[in-house]
């Protein structure tokens, strides 16, 4: 896990700042540890950290993953995201199941740490990956947050409207990122704030771009981001 984070260029101080951890590659590591802390299996299941087996008993939901705590605006941990360790099988990223505390279309990763900078700059930069957000903060772009495996939606904008006037959706430069811009077109038309879209060049994600070109160049791209309608028109006319 440390090797993976180091390869992504994430410093030890950022690992600590964001509370990044590890779930052991075991079906019961958390279940075995929980009683020592007077945490019941029922609580683990309710929190989305344990699942029920078909024939009785429980299992750890997260296994063999780098773990990213997801906090609400009051800095309380309400869920987790897990990135599979290199060489392990399974979906690349999974989030906690939705619970009474956690609805992924209403939360933004890193918002608890970015809210002050968002309020100060009056702008939020919305990315797609946990490590992109962490590396952005490490690079000095501390108004960066990420969606949680869902499209940017009205509930996100409702949250952000209390903090800023402008939102820039920073998409990965790959084909999937390009296509995701269509999802915000209708959102833009009904938004009560300035929603802009930026797609990075050469198939890059934000962390890759920052490593190669630095903070100032990314900020210049962000400053030149266009609204969702113009972005769509440019895509259509360029044949992308």
C-alpha atoms as a PDB file:
ATOM      1  CA  UNK A   1       0.000   0.000   0.000  1.00  0.00           C
ATOM      2  CA  UNK A   2       2.833   2.396   0.852  1.00  0.00           C
ATOM      3  CA  UNK A   3       4.588   1.510  -2.400  1.00  0.00           C
ATOM      4  CA  UNK A   4       1.430   2.251  -4.398  1.00  0.00           C
ATOM      5  CA  UNK A   5       0.965   5.653  -2.732  1.00  0.00           C
ATOM      6  CA  UNK A   6       4.641   6.464  -3.229  1.00  0.00           C
ATOM      7  CA  UNK A   7       4.357   5.550  -6.920  1.00  0.00           C
ATOM      8  CA  UNK A   8       1.429   7.943  -7.175  1.00  0.00           C
ATOM      9  CA  UNK A   9       3.700  10.622  -5.738  1.00  0.00           C
ATOM     10  CA  UNK A  10       1.723  11.083  -2.525  1.00  0.00           C
ATOM     11  CA  UNK A  11       3.760  12.221   0.468  1.00  0.00           C
ATOM     12  CA  UNK A  12       3.612  10.703   3.957  1.00  0.00           C
ATOM     13  CA  UNK A  13       2.204  13.955   5.325  1.00  0.00           C
ATOM     14  CA  UNK A  14      -0.691  13.800   2.832  1.00  0.00           C
ATOM     15  CA  UNK A  15      -1.347  10.160   3.732  1.00  0.00           C
ATOM     16  CA  UNK A  16      -1.715  11.286   7.340  1.00  0.00           C
ATOM     17  CA  UNK A  17      -3.686  14.448   6.444  1.00  0.00           C
ATOM     18  CA  UNK A  18      -6.307  12.460   4.521  1.00  0.00           C
ATOM     19  CA  UNK A  19      -6.216   9.482   6.910  1.00  0.00           C
ATOM     20  CA  UNK A  20      -5.362   6.952   4.200  1.00  0.00           C
ATOM     21  CA  UNK A  21      -5.090   3.383   5.480  1.00  0.00           C
ATOM     22  CA  UNK A  22      -5.241  -0.288   4.537  1.00  0.00           C
ATOM     23  CA  UNK A  23      -7.726  -3.138   4.809  1.00  0.00           C
ATOM     24  CA  UNK A  24      -5.828  -6.431   5.208  1.00  0.00           C
ATOM     25  CA  UNK A  25      -6.412  -9.102   2.564  1.00  0.00           C
ATOM     26  CA  UNK A  26      -8.547 -11.181   4.924  1.00  0.00           C
ATOM     27  CA  UNK A  27     -12.234 -12.114   5.124  1.00  0.00           C
ATOM     28  CA  UNK A  28     -12.410 -11.387   8.860  1.00  0.00           C
ATOM     29  CA  UNK A  29      -9.612  -9.014   9.984  1.00  0.00           C
ATOM     30  CA  UNK A  30     -12.056  -6.236  10.911  1.00  0.00           C
ATOM     31  CA  UNK A  31     -14.623  -8.644  12.357  1.00  0.00           C
ATOM     32  CA  UNK A  32     -11.940 -10.216  14.566  1.00  0.00           C
ATOM     33  CA  UNK A  33     -10.628  -6.839  15.762  1.00  0.00           C
ATOM     34  CA  UNK A  34     -13.982  -5.139  16.393  1.00  0.00           C
ATOM     35  CA  UNK A  35     -14.911  -6.895  19.690  1.00  0.00           C
ATOM     36  CA  UNK A  36     -11.702  -5.604  21.280  1.00  0.00           C
ATOM     37  CA  UNK A  37     -13.115  -2.117  20.737  1.00  0.00           C
ATOM     38  CA  UNK A  38     -16.653  -3.082  21.822  1.00  0.00           C
ATOM     39  CA  UNK A  39     -17.973  -2.728  18.253  1.00  0.00           C
ATOM     40  CA  UNK A  40     -20.677  -5.234  17.400  1.00  0.00           C
ATOM     41  CA  UNK A  41     -21.129  -7.092  14.113  1.00  0.00           C
ATOM     42  CA  UNK A  42     -24.509  -5.366  13.783  1.00  0.00           C
ATOM     43  CA  UNK A  43     -22.813  -1.962  13.847  1.00  0.00           C
ATOM     44  CA  UNK A  44     -20.259  -3.057  11.227  1.00  0.00           C
ATOM     45  CA  UNK A  45     -23.049  -4.309   8.987  1.00  0.00           C
ATOM     46  CA  UNK A  46     -25.109  -1.126   9.464  1.00  0.00           C
ATOM     47  CA  UNK A  47     -22.033   0.954   8.590  1.00  0.00           C
ATOM     48  CA  UNK A  48     -21.481  -1.042   5.392  1.00  0.00           C
ATOM     49  CA  UNK A  49     -18.207  -2.541   6.632  1.00  0.00           C
ATOM     50  CA  UNK A  50     -19.426  -6.121   6.988  1.00  0.00           C
ATOM     51  CA  UNK A  51     -21.619  -8.212   4.732  1.00  0.00           C
ATOM     52  CA  UNK A  52     -23.866 -11.194   5.468  1.00  0.00           C
ATOM     53  CA  UNK A  53     -22.960 -14.608   4.075  1.00  0.00           C
ATOM     54  CA  UNK A  54     -25.689 -16.583   2.318  1.00  0.00           C
ATOM     55  CA  UNK A  55     -25.452 -19.474   4.769  1.00  0.00           C
ATOM     56  CA  UNK A  56     -24.941 -17.471   7.955  1.00  0.00           C
ATOM     57  CA  UNK A  57     -22.100 -15.438   9.406  1.00  0.00           C
ATOM     58  CA  UNK A  58     -20.423 -12.290   8.151  1.00  0.00           C
ATOM     59  CA  UNK A  59     -17.405 -11.159   6.141  1.00  0.00           C
ATOM     60  CA  UNK A  60     -15.294  -8.004   5.848  1.00  0.00           C
ATOM     61  CA  UNK A  61     -16.603  -5.873   2.978  1.00  0.00           C
ATOM     62  CA  UNK A  62     -13.191  -4.292   2.253  1.00  0.00           C
ATOM     63  CA  UNK A  63     -10.265  -6.688   1.752  1.00  0.00           C
ATOM     64  CA  UNK A  64      -6.763  -6.007   0.415  1.00  0.00           C
ATOM     65  CA  UNK A  65      -7.377  -2.351  -0.420  1.00  0.00           C
ATOM     66  CA  UNK A  66      -5.895   1.075   0.157  1.00  0.00           C
ATOM     67  CA  UNK A  67      -8.591   2.793   2.213  1.00  0.00           C
ATOM     68  CA  UNK A  68      -9.789   6.383   1.857  1.00  0.00           C
ATOM     69  CA  UNK A  69     -12.080   7.698   4.640  1.00  0.00           C
ATOM     70  CA  UNK A  70     -15.053   9.696   3.335  1.00  0.00           C
ATOM     71  CA  UNK A  71     -16.132  12.436   5.725  1.00  0.00           C
ATOM     72  CA  UNK A  72     -19.161  14.691   5.811  1.00  0.00           C
ATOM     73  CA  UNK A  73     -18.975  18.485   6.087  1.00  0.00           C
ATOM     74  CA  UNK A  74     -18.667  18.147   9.878  1.00  0.00           C
ATOM     75  CA  UNK A  75     -15.535  16.005   9.443  1.00  0.00           C
ATOM     76  CA  UNK A  76     -17.231  12.799  10.635  1.00  0.00           C
ATOM     77  CA  UNK A  77     -16.209   9.575   8.848  1.00  0.00           C
ATOM     78  CA  UNK A  78     -19.407   8.241   7.249  1.00  0.00           C
ATOM     79  CA  UNK A  79     -18.019   5.814   4.635  1.00  0.00           C
ATOM     80  CA  UNK A  80     -14.887   4.541   2.903  1.00  0.00           C
ATOM     81  CA  UNK A  81     -13.517   4.138  -0.577  1.00  0.00           C
ATOM     82  CA  UNK A  82     -11.159   1.259  -1.298  1.00  0.00           C
ATOM     83  CA  UNK A  83      -8.602   0.919  -4.121  1.00  0.00           C
ATOM     84  CA  UNK A  84      -7.502  -2.621  -4.866  1.00  0.00           C
ATOM     85  CA  UNK A  85      -3.803  -3.211  -4.279  1.00  0.00           C
ATOM     86  CA  UNK A  86      -1.714  -3.735  -7.431  1.00  0.00           C
ATOM     87  CA  UNK A  87      -1.680  -7.425  -8.330  1.00  0.00           C
ATOM     88  CA  UNK A  88      -4.877  -8.223  -6.422  1.00  0.00           C
ATOM     89  CA  UNK A  89      -8.134  -9.222  -8.110  1.00  0.00           C
ATOM     90  CA  UNK A  90     -11.393  -7.303  -7.906  1.00  0.00           C
ATOM     91  CA  UNK A  91     -12.941  -4.036  -9.006  1.00  0.00           C
ATOM     92  CA  UNK A  92     -10.373  -1.239  -9.085  1.00  0.00           C
ATOM     93  CA  UNK A  93     -12.412   1.022  -6.778  1.00  0.00           C
ATOM     94  CA  UNK A  94     -15.362   0.315  -4.518  1.00  0.00           C
ATOM     95  CA  UNK A  95     -17.187   2.543  -2.043  1.00  0.00           C
ATOM     96  CA  UNK A  96     -19.062   1.667   1.103  1.00  0.00           C
ATOM     97  CA  UNK A  97     -22.621   0.579   0.510  1.00  0.00           C
ATOM     98  CA  UNK A  98     -25.145   3.356   0.959  1.00  0.00           C
ATOM     99  CA  UNK A  99     -26.415   3.689   4.522  1.00  0.00           C
ATOM    100  CA  UNK A 100     -28.554   6.111   6.521  1.00  0.00           C
ATOM    101  CA  UNK A 101     -25.409   8.224   6.889  1.00  0.00           C
ATOM    102  CA  UNK A 102     -23.980   7.877   3.397  1.00  0.00           C
ATOM    103  CA  UNK A 103     -25.623   8.615   0.049  1.00  0.00           C
ATOM    104  CA  UNK A 104     -22.902   8.924  -2.563  1.00  0.00           C
ATOM    105  CA  UNK A 105     -24.801  11.408  -4.739  1.00  0.00           C
ATOM    106  CA  UNK A 106     -24.871  13.859  -1.811  1.00  0.00           C
ATOM    107  CA  UNK A 107     -21.228  13.651  -0.719  1.00  0.00           C
ATOM    108  CA  UNK A 108     -17.906  14.810  -2.141  1.00  0.00           C
ATOM    109  CA  UNK A 109     -14.562  13.239  -1.244  1.00  0.00           C
ATOM    110  CA  UNK A 110     -12.227  15.691   0.464  1.00  0.00           C
ATOM    111  CA  UNK A 111     -14.926  18.309   1.064  1.00  0.00           C
ATOM    112  CA  UNK A 112     -14.188  18.408   4.786  1.00  0.00           C
ATOM    113  CA  UNK A 113     -10.605  19.498   4.021  1.00  0.00           C
ATOM    114  CA  UNK A 114     -11.417  21.686   1.004  1.00  0.00           C
ATOM    115  CA  UNK A 115     -14.433  23.645   2.267  1.00  0.00           C
ATOM    116  CA  UNK A 116     -12.439  26.597   3.656  1.00  0.00           C
ATOM    117  CA  UNK A 117     -10.434  26.983   0.429  1.00  0.00           C
ATOM    118  CA  UNK A 118     -13.624  26.644  -1.636  1.00  0.00           C
ATOM    119  CA  UNK A 119     -15.270  29.402   0.377  1.00  0.00           C
ATOM    120  CA  UNK A 120     -12.179  31.611   0.108  1.00  0.00           C
ATOM    121  CA  UNK A 121     -11.687  31.136  -3.655  1.00  0.00           C
ATOM    122  CA  UNK A 122     -15.451  30.997  -4.368  1.00  0.00           C
ATOM    123  CA  UNK A 123     -14.721  28.050  -6.654  1.00  0.00           C
ATOM    124  CA  UNK A 124     -14.709  24.249  -6.356  1.00  0.00           C
ATOM    125  CA  UNK A 125     -12.649  21.973  -8.606  1.00  0.00           C
ATOM    126  CA  UNK A 126     -14.464  18.635  -8.907  1.00  0.00           C
ATOM    127  CA  UNK A 127     -12.310  15.648  -9.908  1.00  0.00           C
ATOM    128  CA  UNK A 128     -12.994  11.935 -10.299  1.00  0.00           C
ATOM    129  CA  UNK A 129     -10.382  10.152  -8.173  1.00  0.00           C
ATOM    130  CA  UNK A 130      -9.286  10.026  -4.551  1.00  0.00           C
ATOM    131  CA  UNK A 131      -5.586  10.164  -5.350  1.00  0.00           C
ATOM    132  CA  UNK A 132      -6.152  13.042  -7.802  1.00  0.00           C
ATOM    133  CA  UNK A 133      -7.689  15.094  -4.992  1.00  0.00           C
ATOM    134  CA  UNK A 134      -4.907  14.214  -2.551  1.00  0.00           C
ATOM    135  CA  UNK A 135      -2.189  15.079  -5.071  1.00  0.00           C
ATOM    136  CA  UNK A 136      -3.986  18.322  -5.969  1.00  0.00           C
ATOM    137  CA  UNK A 137      -3.984  19.371  -2.290  1.00  0.00           C
ATOM    138  CA  UNK A 138      -0.334  18.353  -2.053  1.00  0.00           C
ATOM    139  CA  UNK A 139       0.367  20.611  -5.051  1.00  0.00           C
ATOM    140  CA  UNK A 140      -1.426  23.587  -3.491  1.00  0.00           C
ATOM    141  CA  UNK A 141      -4.806  23.255  -5.202  1.00  0.00           C
ATOM    142  CA  UNK A 142      -6.704  22.808  -1.968  1.00  0.00           C
ATOM    143  CA  UNK A 143     -10.194  23.582  -3.298  1.00  0.00           C
ATOM    144  CA  UNK A 144     -10.273  20.167  -5.050  1.00  0.00           C
ATOM    145  CA  UNK A 145     -12.901  17.517  -4.240  1.00  0.00           C
ATOM    146  CA  UNK A 146     -14.122  14.365  -6.029  1.00  0.00           C
ATOM    147  CA  UNK A 147     -17.413  12.700  -6.854  1.00  0.00           C
ATOM    148  CA  UNK A 148     -17.852   9.200  -5.474  1.00  0.00           C
ATOM    149  CA  UNK A 149     -18.387   6.940  -8.466  1.00  0.00           C
ATOM    150  CA  UNK A 150     -21.372   8.957  -9.642  1.00  0.00           C
ATOM    151  CA  UNK A 151     -21.933  11.918 -11.925  1.00  0.00           C
ATOM    152  CA  UNK A 152     -21.893  15.467 -10.603  1.00  0.00           C
ATOM    153  CA  UNK A 153     -25.533  16.131  -9.698  1.00  0.00           C
ATOM    154  CA  UNK A 154     -28.005  18.607  -8.278  1.00  0.00           C
ATOM    155  CA  UNK A 155     -27.400  17.475  -4.695  1.00  0.00           C
ATOM    156  CA  UNK A 156     -23.673  18.234  -5.084  1.00  0.00           C
ATOM    157  CA  UNK A 157     -24.417  21.701  -6.440  1.00  0.00           C
ATOM    158  CA  UNK A 158     -26.883  22.340  -3.626  1.00  0.00           C
ATOM    159  CA  UNK A 159     -24.074  21.596  -1.149  1.00  0.00           C
ATOM    160  CA  UNK A 160     -21.515  23.704  -3.028  1.00  0.00           C
ATOM    161  CA  UNK A 161     -23.834  26.718  -3.505  1.00  0.00           C
ATOM    162  CA  UNK A 162     -23.412  27.529   0.187  1.00  0.00           C
ATOM    163  CA  UNK A 163     -19.647  27.867  -0.324  1.00  0.00           C
ATOM    164  CA  UNK A 164     -18.922  29.139  -3.846  1.00  0.00           C
ATOM    165  CA  UNK A 165     -20.265  30.659  -7.063  1.00  0.00           C
ATOM    166  CA  UNK A 166     -18.336  28.559  -9.585  1.00  0.00           C
ATOM    167  CA  UNK A 167     -17.744  24.838 -10.148  1.00  0.00           C
ATOM    168  CA  UNK A 168     -15.222  23.409 -12.605  1.00  0.00           C
ATOM    169  CA  UNK A 169     -15.674  19.740 -13.454  1.00  0.00           C
ATOM    170  CA  UNK A 170     -12.166  18.498 -14.233  1.00  0.00           C
ATOM    171  CA  UNK A 171     -12.471  15.373 -16.373  1.00  0.00           C
ATOM    172  CA  UNK A 172      -9.785  12.821 -17.170  1.00  0.00           C
ATOM    173  CA  UNK A 173      -8.586  13.220 -20.747  1.00  0.00           C
ATOM    174  CA  UNK A 174      -9.489   9.666 -21.763  1.00  0.00           C
ATOM    175  CA  UNK A 175     -12.495   8.798 -23.906  1.00  0.00           C
ATOM    176  CA  UNK A 176     -14.626   7.878 -20.893  1.00  0.00           C
ATOM    177  CA  UNK A 177     -13.928  11.277 -19.378  1.00  0.00           C
ATOM    178  CA  UNK A 178     -14.970  12.995 -22.583  1.00  0.00           C
ATOM    179  CA  UNK A 179     -18.261  11.124 -22.650  1.00  0.00           C
ATOM    180  CA  UNK A 180     -18.997  11.923 -19.004  1.00  0.00           C
ATOM    181  CA  UNK A 181     -19.225  15.586 -19.972  1.00  0.00           C
ATOM    182  CA  UNK A 182     -22.601  14.807 -21.565  1.00  0.00           C
ATOM    183  CA  UNK A 183     -23.947  13.923 -18.121  1.00  0.00           C
ATOM    184  CA  UNK A 184     -23.541  17.502 -16.881  1.00  0.00           C
ATOM    185  CA  UNK A 185     -25.083  19.219 -19.898  1.00  0.00           C
ATOM    186  CA  UNK A 186     -28.644  19.053 -18.588  1.00  0.00           C
ATOM    187  CA  UNK A 187     -27.370  19.798 -15.087  1.00  0.00           C
ATOM    188  CA  UNK A 188     -25.697  22.959 -16.411  1.00  0.00           C
ATOM    189  CA  UNK A 189     -28.905  24.158 -18.061  1.00  0.00           C
ATOM    190  CA  UNK A 190     -30.756  24.097 -14.727  1.00  0.00           C
ATOM    191  CA  UNK A 191     -27.889  25.026 -12.411  1.00  0.00           C
ATOM    192  CA  UNK A 192     -28.161  28.124 -10.276  1.00  0.00           C
ATOM    193  CA  UNK A 193     -24.420  28.657 -10.409  1.00  0.00           C
ATOM    194  CA  UNK A 194     -21.575  28.809 -12.916  1.00  0.00           C
ATOM    195  CA  UNK A 195     -20.743  25.222 -13.967  1.00  0.00           C
ATOM    196  CA  UNK A 196     -17.767  24.738 -16.295  1.00  0.00           C
ATOM    197  CA  UNK A 197     -16.049  21.701 -17.809  1.00  0.00           C
ATOM    198  CA  UNK A 198     -12.380  21.042 -18.451  1.00  0.00           C
ATOM    199  CA  UNK A 199     -10.954  17.936 -20.119  1.00  0.00           C
ATOM    200  CA  UNK A 200      -7.242  17.347 -19.698  1.00  0.00           C
ATOM    201  CA  UNK A 201      -5.050  16.745 -22.778  1.00  0.00           C
ATOM    202  CA  UNK A 202      -3.407  13.505 -23.902  1.00  0.00           C
ATOM    203  CA  UNK A 203      -5.591  11.191 -21.831  1.00  0.00           C
ATOM    204  CA  UNK A 204      -4.087  12.483 -18.562  1.00  0.00           C
ATOM    205  CA  UNK A 205      -5.692  12.500 -15.140  1.00  0.00           C
ATOM    206  CA  UNK A 206      -5.159  15.493 -12.790  1.00  0.00           C
ATOM    207  CA  UNK A 207      -2.339  13.862 -10.795  1.00  0.00           C
ATOM    208  CA  UNK A 208      -0.416  12.951 -13.956  1.00  0.00           C
ATOM    209  CA  UNK A 209      -0.872  16.455 -15.339  1.00  0.00           C
ATOM    210  CA  UNK A 210       0.291  18.107 -12.118  1.00  0.00           C
ATOM    211  CA  UNK A 211       3.381  15.902 -11.967  1.00  0.00           C
ATOM    212  CA  UNK A 212       4.375  16.740 -15.532  1.00  0.00           C
ATOM    213  CA  UNK A 213       3.311  20.373 -15.901  1.00  0.00           C
ATOM    214  CA  UNK A 214       2.786  21.742 -12.378  1.00  0.00           C
ATOM    215  CA  UNK A 215       0.218  23.762 -10.494  1.00  0.00           C
ATOM    216  CA  UNK A 216       0.469  27.010 -12.493  1.00  0.00           C
ATOM    217  CA  UNK A 217      -0.238  25.321 -15.839  1.00  0.00           C
ATOM    218  CA  UNK A 218      -3.238  23.479 -14.420  1.00  0.00           C
ATOM    219  CA  UNK A 219      -4.563  26.709 -12.933  1.00  0.00           C
ATOM    220  CA  UNK A 220      -4.293  28.328 -16.364  1.00  0.00           C
ATOM    221  CA  UNK A 221      -6.342  25.514 -17.879  1.00  0.00           C
ATOM    222  CA  UNK A 222      -8.924  25.853 -15.107  1.00  0.00           C
ATOM    223  CA  UNK A 223      -9.165  29.598 -15.734  1.00  0.00           C
ATOM    224  CA  UNK A 224      -9.932  28.851 -19.396  1.00  0.00           C
ATOM    225  CA  UNK A 225     -12.615  26.215 -18.698  1.00  0.00           C
ATOM    226  CA  UNK A 226     -15.821  26.737 -20.695  1.00  0.00           C
ATOM    227  CA  UNK A 227     -19.431  26.118 -19.749  1.00  0.00           C
ATOM    228  CA  UNK A 228     -20.938  22.708 -20.401  1.00  0.00           C
ATOM    229  CA  UNK A 229     -22.905  23.813 -23.465  1.00  0.00           C
ATOM    230  CA  UNK A 230     -19.862  25.277 -25.212  1.00  0.00           C
ATOM    231  CA  UNK A 231     -17.810  22.223 -24.249  1.00  0.00           C
ATOM    232  CA  UNK A 232     -20.410  19.964 -25.881  1.00  0.00           C
ATOM    233  CA  UNK A 233     -20.474  22.115 -29.031  1.00  0.00           C
ATOM    234  CA  UNK A 234     -16.681  21.987 -29.293  1.00  0.00           C
ATOM    235  CA  UNK A 235     -16.759  18.207 -28.942  1.00  0.00           C
ATOM    236  CA  UNK A 236     -19.391  17.847 -31.666  1.00  0.00           C
ATOM    237  CA  UNK A 237     -17.709  20.203 -34.126  1.00  0.00           C
ATOM    238  CA  UNK A 238     -14.298  18.596 -33.573  1.00  0.00           C
ATOM    239  CA  UNK A 239     -15.766  15.121 -34.149  1.00  0.00           C
ATOM    240  CA  UNK A 240     -14.653  13.710 -30.785  1.00  0.00           C
END
